[in-house]
Structures are given as C-alpha cells and as structure tokens.
Amino acid sequence: SLSGYDMFRKDRQVNRHGGGVILYVKNCLCAVEYSPTSKFPEQVWCCLTNSKNVKMFVGVLYRTPSTDIYGSGNHDLLRELIHELGSTKKHFVLMGDFNYRIRQWPAVDTSDMTADAREFCNCLEDNFLTQHIAGPTRADAIPDLVITDEPDMVNDINELGPLDTGDHTALDWKVHFEFS
C-alpha cells in the first residue's frame, strides 16, 4: 500500500505467476469501487464524484497478447467493455497496456495492424472516444493507452522515462474533471 492513497486491485485469477492490475487514487478524492458488467478478465475500476456531483469512472486494464492465459476471446471482451463504457453516458478514463502494435495515433494507416488491432481502433472511433498517447511507449509502438470519452479531459502528458527494469515508459498526465 501507499500512504495517502486508496488501492484498488484485481489479481490474475488463473494459476500463473504474477499478473493482475492495480490502481492507486489519492484518499482525498474519496474513490469508491466500480464494477462494469463486462467480463474482461484483467480490469479494475473506481468511481469519483466531483463538486458538481458528476461521476467519472477511472479504470486500469491489461490485455495479454498471449492466448494461453485467457484464450482468444479477450479481444471481443475488450470491445464489449469499450461499448459498455460508451453507453453509460458517464465520463471515464481507461488506461493500461492494451498490447496492440499501433505505431501512430490517430491510427490512420492500419495496413500493418492485425485484424484485432483494426477492430479495436474502429471500436474506439464508433464510440467517439479519444486516445491521448501520441508517441511510442515501448520500442516503436504505442501499446500503453489513455482513453477518455471527452477529447479535452486529459492534458499535460509528459514522458518520465523507462520504468525500473521494464520495457515500458512511465507517463505523467493530468485529468480535467469539471464537467456539468
């Protein structure tokens, strides 16, 4: 645990070493746990309420690129989650490692993408969602994404450099949450 933060976590439920997702939120934001109906396996959510009593969901997910953990259906479950979020009419921020090999945003040239990556990009577009990370976060790709329902919700994204010994780049960003 981290002092001054509420922790929301979901450990990987299959019999493997490691895995799962975790979300830390400052205590002063009074976050409460939220659970979408989507059965996407590695996701964790909280709900925040601003001074105008407007709710916003904040979620973290990990989509494994391997089919030996959850099978091949996690692409469909991810799109189901995106559609569910788009239909809630609530503001949200969804971030995490989506593990699609997308080289630029917006994803204009989809010729070098897998069919699942193209369907994912189409799903974001069909739901009028915004992806905020413009540059590579791992090698020459953008697998780590920040997705919102409002184009101006996230700003001041700064690259902090590599995380510890991993192959991901740490990002720092701010969320604007003053919607009516």
C-alpha atoms as a PDB file:
ATOM      1  CA  SER A   1       0.000   0.000   0.000  1.00  0.00           C
ATOM      2  CA  LEU A   2       0.996   3.633  -0.432  1.00  0.00           C
ATOM      3  CA  SER A   3       0.428   6.139   2.335  1.00  0.00           C
ATOM      4  CA  GLY A   4      -2.224   8.696   1.370  1.00  0.00           C
ATOM      5  CA  TYR A   5      -3.723   6.541  -1.401  1.00  0.00           C
ATOM      6  CA  ASP A   6      -6.615   4.102  -1.716  1.00  0.00           C
ATOM      7  CA  MET A   7      -5.691   0.911  -3.534  1.00  0.00           C
ATOM      8  CA  PHE A   8      -7.925  -0.963  -5.963  1.00  0.00           C
ATOM      9  CA  ARG A   9      -6.542  -4.218  -7.316  1.00  0.00           C
ATOM     10  CA  LYS A  10      -7.506  -7.339  -9.180  1.00  0.00           C
ATOM     11  CA  ASP A  11      -5.065 -10.212  -9.154  1.00  0.00           C
ATOM     12  CA  ARG A  12      -4.850 -12.605 -12.068  1.00  0.00           C
ATOM     13  CA  GLN A  13      -7.206 -15.493 -11.298  1.00  0.00           C
ATOM     14  CA  VAL A  14      -5.533 -18.171 -13.367  1.00  0.00           C
ATOM     15  CA  ASN A  15      -2.850 -20.429 -11.944  1.00  0.00           C
ATOM     16  CA  ARG A  16       0.211 -18.493 -13.138  1.00  0.00           C
ATOM     17  CA  HIS A  17       2.953 -16.478 -11.508  1.00  0.00           C
ATOM     18  CA  GLY A  18       2.245 -12.724 -11.394  1.00  0.00           C
ATOM     19  CA  GLY A  19      -0.313 -10.741 -13.285  1.00  0.00           C
ATOM     20  CA  GLY A  20      -3.209  -8.514 -12.434  1.00  0.00           C
ATOM     21  CA  VAL A  21      -3.837  -4.785 -12.275  1.00  0.00           C
ATOM     22  CA  ILE A  22      -3.668  -2.138  -9.568  1.00  0.00           C
ATOM     23  CA  LEU A  23      -4.937   1.426  -9.298  1.00  0.00           C
ATOM     24  CA  TYR A  24      -3.920   3.955  -6.633  1.00  0.00           C
ATOM     25  CA  VAL A  25      -6.096   7.032  -6.033  1.00  0.00           C
ATOM     26  CA  LYS A  26      -5.398   9.848  -3.576  1.00  0.00           C
ATOM     27  CA  ASN A  27      -7.513   9.415  -0.393  1.00  0.00           C
ATOM     28  CA  CYS A  28      -8.859  12.976  -0.629  1.00  0.00           C
ATOM     29  CA  LEU A  29     -10.712  12.042  -3.859  1.00  0.00           C
ATOM     30  CA  CYS A  30     -12.972   9.603  -1.942  1.00  0.00           C
ATOM     31  CA  ALA A  31     -12.955   6.941  -4.678  1.00  0.00           C
ATOM     32  CA  VAL A  32     -15.338   4.009  -4.435  1.00  0.00           C
ATOM     33  CA  GLU A  33     -15.027   0.689  -6.227  1.00  0.00           C
ATOM     34  CA  TYR A  34     -16.918   0.277  -9.501  1.00  0.00           C
ATOM     35  CA  SER A  35     -17.504  -2.953 -11.430  1.00  0.00           C
ATOM     36  CA  PRO A  36     -18.582  -2.914 -15.084  1.00  0.00           C
ATOM     37  CA  THR A  37     -20.727  -5.818 -16.258  1.00  0.00           C
ATOM     38  CA  SER A  38     -18.151  -6.731 -18.929  1.00  0.00           C
ATOM     39  CA  LYS A  39     -16.242  -9.896 -18.100  1.00  0.00           C
ATOM     40  CA  PHE A  40     -12.900  -8.631 -19.431  1.00  0.00           C
ATOM     41  CA  PRO A  41     -10.529 -10.509 -17.083  1.00  0.00           C
ATOM     42  CA  GLU A  42      -7.852  -8.008 -16.010  1.00  0.00           C
ATOM     43  CA  GLN A  43      -9.514  -4.706 -15.178  1.00  0.00           C
ATOM     44  CA  VAL A  44     -10.047  -2.661 -12.019  1.00  0.00           C
ATOM     45  CA  TRP A  45     -12.211   0.453 -11.618  1.00  0.00           C
ATOM     46  CA  CYS A  46     -13.213   3.179  -9.219  1.00  0.00           C
ATOM     47  CA  CYS A  47     -15.787   5.951  -9.352  1.00  0.00           C
ATOM     48  CA  LEU A  48     -15.024   9.580  -8.474  1.00  0.00           C
ATOM     49  CA  THR A  49     -17.594  12.315  -7.891  1.00  0.00           C
ATOM     50  CA  ASN A  50     -16.710  15.975  -8.409  1.00  0.00           C
ATOM     51  CA  SER A  51     -18.034  19.052  -6.583  1.00  0.00           C
ATOM     52  CA  LYS A  52     -20.968  19.266  -9.034  1.00  0.00           C
ATOM     53  CA  ASN A  53     -21.955  15.667  -8.172  1.00  0.00           C
ATOM     54  CA  VAL A  54     -20.842  14.421 -11.617  1.00  0.00           C
ATOM     55  CA  LYS A  55     -19.488  10.873 -11.613  1.00  0.00           C
ATOM     56  CA  MET A  56     -16.419   9.705 -13.502  1.00  0.00           C
ATOM     57  CA  PHE A  57     -15.089   6.160 -13.796  1.00  0.00           C
ATOM     58  CA  VAL A  58     -11.336   5.534 -13.711  1.00  0.00           C
ATOM     59  CA  GLY A  59     -10.044   2.156 -14.835  1.00  0.00           C
ATOM     60  CA  VAL A  60      -6.856   0.248 -15.473  1.00  0.00           C
ATOM     61  CA  LEU A  61      -6.570  -2.870 -17.595  1.00  0.00           C
ATOM     62  CA  TYR A  62      -4.060  -5.266 -19.024  1.00  0.00           C
ATOM     63  CA  ARG A  63      -4.796  -7.167 -22.235  1.00  0.00           C
ATOM     64  CA  THR A  64      -2.442 -10.076 -22.522  1.00  0.00           C
ATOM     65  CA  PRO A  65      -1.162 -10.756 -26.038  1.00  0.00           C
ATOM     66  CA  SER A  66      -0.992 -14.459 -25.205  1.00  0.00           C
ATOM     67  CA  THR A  67      -3.931 -16.767 -25.860  1.00  0.00           C
ATOM     68  CA  ASP A  68      -2.632 -19.372 -23.374  1.00  0.00           C
ATOM     69  CA  ILE A  69      -3.859 -17.351 -20.364  1.00  0.00           C
ATOM     70  CA  TYR A  70      -7.479 -16.489 -21.221  1.00  0.00           C
ATOM     71  CA  GLY A  71      -7.949 -17.927 -24.700  1.00  0.00           C
ATOM     72  CA  SER A  72      -8.612 -15.911 -27.841  1.00  0.00           C
ATOM     73  CA  GLY A  73     -11.792 -14.160 -26.677  1.00  0.00           C
ATOM     74  CA  ASN A  74     -10.164 -11.264 -24.849  1.00  0.00           C
ATOM     75  CA  HIS A  75     -10.304  -9.081 -27.991  1.00  0.00           C
ATOM     76  CA  ASP A  76     -14.090  -9.469 -28.056  1.00  0.00           C
ATOM     77  CA  LEU A  77     -14.374  -8.869 -24.303  1.00  0.00           C
ATOM     78  CA  LEU A  78     -12.302  -5.692 -24.606  1.00  0.00           C
ATOM     79  CA  ARG A  79     -14.542  -4.326 -27.355  1.00  0.00           C
ATOM     80  CA  GLU A  80     -17.574  -5.283 -25.239  1.00  0.00           C
ATOM     81  CA  LEU A  81     -16.109  -3.254 -22.367  1.00  0.00           C
ATOM     82  CA  ILE A  82     -15.490  -0.258 -24.664  1.00  0.00           C
ATOM     83  CA  HIS A  83     -19.099  -0.414 -25.931  1.00  0.00           C
ATOM     84  CA  GLU A  84     -20.380  -0.665 -22.349  1.00  0.00           C
ATOM     85  CA  LEU A  85     -18.382   2.395 -21.288  1.00  0.00           C
ATOM     86  CA  GLY A  86     -19.546   4.328 -24.327  1.00  0.00           C
ATOM     87  CA  SER A  87     -23.178   3.583 -23.494  1.00  0.00           C
ATOM     88  CA  THR A  88     -23.016   4.612 -19.801  1.00  0.00           C
ATOM     89  CA  LYS A  89     -23.160   8.338 -20.636  1.00  0.00           C
ATOM     90  CA  LYS A  90     -20.704   8.815 -17.749  1.00  0.00           C
ATOM     91  CA  HIS A  91     -17.266  10.322 -18.078  1.00  0.00           C
ATOM     92  CA  PHE A  92     -14.369   7.892 -17.862  1.00  0.00           C
ATOM     93  CA  VAL A  93     -10.630   7.428 -18.157  1.00  0.00           C
ATOM     94  CA  LEU A  94      -9.405   3.971 -19.149  1.00  0.00           C
ATOM     95  CA  MET A  95      -5.662   3.373 -19.147  1.00  0.00           C
ATOM     96  CA  GLY A  96      -3.391   0.401 -19.416  1.00  0.00           C
ATOM     97  CA  ASP A  97      -1.358  -1.919 -21.568  1.00  0.00           C
ATOM     98  CA  PHE A  98      -3.618  -2.886 -24.464  1.00  0.00           C
ATOM     99  CA  ASN A  99      -0.802  -4.769 -26.233  1.00  0.00           C
ATOM    100  CA  TYR A 100      -1.772  -3.771 -29.748  1.00  0.00           C
ATOM    101  CA  ARG A 101       1.109  -2.922 -32.059  1.00  0.00           C
ATOM    102  CA  ILE A 102      -0.116   0.509 -33.126  1.00  0.00           C
ATOM    103  CA  ARG A 103       2.668   2.771 -34.377  1.00  0.00           C
ATOM    104  CA  GLN A 104       0.897   6.138 -34.509  1.00  0.00           C
ATOM    105  CA  TRP A 105      -2.210   7.932 -33.337  1.00  0.00           C
ATOM    106  CA  PRO A 106      -4.554   8.607 -34.740  1.00  0.00           C
ATOM    107  CA  ALA A 107      -4.307   5.208 -36.373  1.00  0.00           C
ATOM    108  CA  VAL A 108      -4.658   6.413 -39.970  1.00  0.00           C
ATOM    109  CA  ASP A 109      -2.635   3.719 -41.760  1.00  0.00           C
ATOM    110  CA  THR A 110      -3.920   0.379 -40.498  1.00  0.00           C
ATOM    111  CA  SER A 111      -2.232  -1.757 -43.164  1.00  0.00           C
ATOM    112  CA  ASP A 112       0.442  -3.124 -40.802  1.00  0.00           C
ATOM    113  CA  MET A 113      -2.029  -3.830 -37.948  1.00  0.00           C
ATOM    114  CA  THR A 114      -3.579  -7.133 -37.049  1.00  0.00           C
ATOM    115  CA  ALA A 115      -7.294  -7.545 -37.674  1.00  0.00           C
ATOM    116  CA  ASP A 116      -7.907  -7.384 -33.911  1.00  0.00           C
ATOM    117  CA  ALA A 117      -5.997  -4.077 -33.627  1.00  0.00           C
ATOM    118  CA  ARG A 118      -8.011  -2.618 -36.521  1.00  0.00           C
ATOM    119  CA  GLU A 119     -11.278  -3.723 -34.890  1.00  0.00           C
ATOM    120  CA  PHE A 120     -10.148  -2.160 -31.612  1.00  0.00           C
ATOM    121  CA  CYS A 121      -9.382   1.185 -33.320  1.00  0.00           C
ATOM    122  CA  ASN A 122     -12.748   1.038 -35.106  1.00  0.00           C
ATOM    123  CA  CYS A 123     -14.463   0.345 -31.777  1.00  0.00           C
ATOM    124  CA  LEU A 124     -12.915   3.476 -30.241  1.00  0.00           C
ATOM    125  CA  GLU A 125     -13.993   5.504 -33.254  1.00  0.00           C
ATOM    126  CA  ASP A 126     -17.522   4.043 -33.302  1.00  0.00           C
ATOM    127  CA  ASN A 127     -17.941   5.096 -29.655  1.00  0.00           C
ATOM    128  CA  PHE A 128     -16.490   8.591 -30.260  1.00  0.00           C
ATOM    129  CA  LEU A 129     -13.663   8.034 -27.785  1.00  0.00           C
ATOM    130  CA  THR A 130     -10.284   9.759 -27.632  1.00  0.00           C
ATOM    131  CA  GLN A 131      -6.909   8.063 -27.168  1.00  0.00           C
ATOM    132  CA  HIS A 132      -4.376  10.540 -25.756  1.00  0.00           C
ATOM    133  CA  ILE A 133      -0.932   8.940 -26.082  1.00  0.00           C
ATOM    134  CA  ALA A 134       0.738  10.141 -29.282  1.00  0.00           C
ATOM    135  CA  GLY A 135       4.248   8.696 -29.130  1.00  0.00           C
ATOM    136  CA  PRO A 136       5.762   5.262 -28.570  1.00  0.00           C
ATOM    137  CA  THR A 137       5.706   3.856 -25.045  1.00  0.00           C
ATOM    138  CA  ARG A 138       7.536   0.630 -25.912  1.00  0.00           C
ATOM    139  CA  ALA A 139      10.085   0.427 -28.751  1.00  0.00           C
ATOM    140  CA  ASP A 140       8.339   1.876 -31.831  1.00  0.00           C
ATOM    141  CA  ALA A 141       4.744   1.130 -30.776  1.00  0.00           C
ATOM    142  CA  ILE A 142       2.025   2.551 -28.528  1.00  0.00           C
ATOM    143  CA  PRO A 143       0.641  -0.404 -26.533  1.00  0.00           C
ATOM    144  CA  ASP A 144       0.021   1.755 -23.438  1.00  0.00           C
ATOM    145  CA  LEU A 145      -3.059   3.909 -23.934  1.00  0.00           C
ATOM    146  CA  VAL A 146      -5.156   6.512 -22.119  1.00  0.00           C
ATOM    147  CA  ILE A 147      -8.730   6.559 -23.460  1.00  0.00           C
ATOM    148  CA  THR A 148     -11.485   9.010 -22.492  1.00  0.00           C
ATOM    149  CA  ASP A 149     -14.967   9.982 -23.561  1.00  0.00           C
ATOM    150  CA  GLU A 150     -14.001  13.684 -23.783  1.00  0.00           C
ATOM    151  CA  PRO A 151     -11.188  14.955 -26.038  1.00  0.00           C
ATOM    152  CA  ASP A 152     -10.094  17.678 -23.600  1.00  0.00           C
ATOM    153  CA  MET A 153     -10.238  15.567 -20.444  1.00  0.00           C
ATOM    154  CA  VAL A 154      -6.526  14.661 -20.354  1.00  0.00           C
ATOM    155  CA  ASN A 155      -3.721  17.138 -20.850  1.00  0.00           C
ATOM    156  CA  ASP A 156      -0.110  17.812 -19.940  1.00  0.00           C
ATOM    157  CA  ILE A 157       1.147  14.327 -20.822  1.00  0.00           C
ATOM    158  CA  ASN A 158       4.860  14.059 -20.045  1.00  0.00           C
ATOM    159  CA  GLU A 159       7.197  11.150 -20.636  1.00  0.00           C
ATOM    160  CA  LEU A 160       9.101  10.316 -17.449  1.00  0.00           C
ATOM    161  CA  GLY A 161      11.390   7.703 -18.984  1.00  0.00           C
ATOM    162  CA  PRO A 162      11.623   3.940 -18.534  1.00  0.00           C
ATOM    163  CA  LEU A 163      10.060   2.256 -15.529  1.00  0.00           C
ATOM    164  CA  ASP A 164      12.643   0.493 -13.373  1.00  0.00           C
ATOM    165  CA  THR A 165      13.932  -2.515 -15.340  1.00  0.00           C
ATOM    166  CA  GLY A 166      10.852  -2.974 -17.548  1.00  0.00           C
ATOM    167  CA  ASP A 167      10.347  -2.111 -21.190  1.00  0.00           C
ATOM    168  CA  HIS A 168       7.579   0.459 -20.612  1.00  0.00           C
ATOM    169  CA  THR A 169       7.818   4.236 -20.466  1.00  0.00           C
ATOM    170  CA  ALA A 170       6.307   5.999 -17.454  1.00  0.00           C
ATOM    171  CA  LEU A 171       3.872   8.795 -18.222  1.00  0.00           C
ATOM    172  CA  ASP A 172       2.627  11.655 -16.081  1.00  0.00           C
ATOM    173  CA  TRP A 173      -0.631  13.380 -17.003  1.00  0.00           C
ATOM    174  CA  LYS A 174      -3.464  15.440 -15.593  1.00  0.00           C
ATOM    175  CA  VAL A 175      -7.212  14.860 -15.821  1.00  0.00           C
ATOM    176  CA  HIS A 176      -9.592  17.808 -16.194  1.00  0.00           C
ATOM    177  CA  PHE A 177     -12.794  16.807 -14.388  1.00  0.00           C
ATOM    178  CA  GLU A 178     -15.069  19.842 -14.228  1.00  0.00           C
ATOM    179  CA  PHE A 179     -17.937  18.659 -16.432  1.00  0.00           C
ATOM    180  CA  SER A 180     -21.528  19.607 -15.823  1.00  0.00           C
END
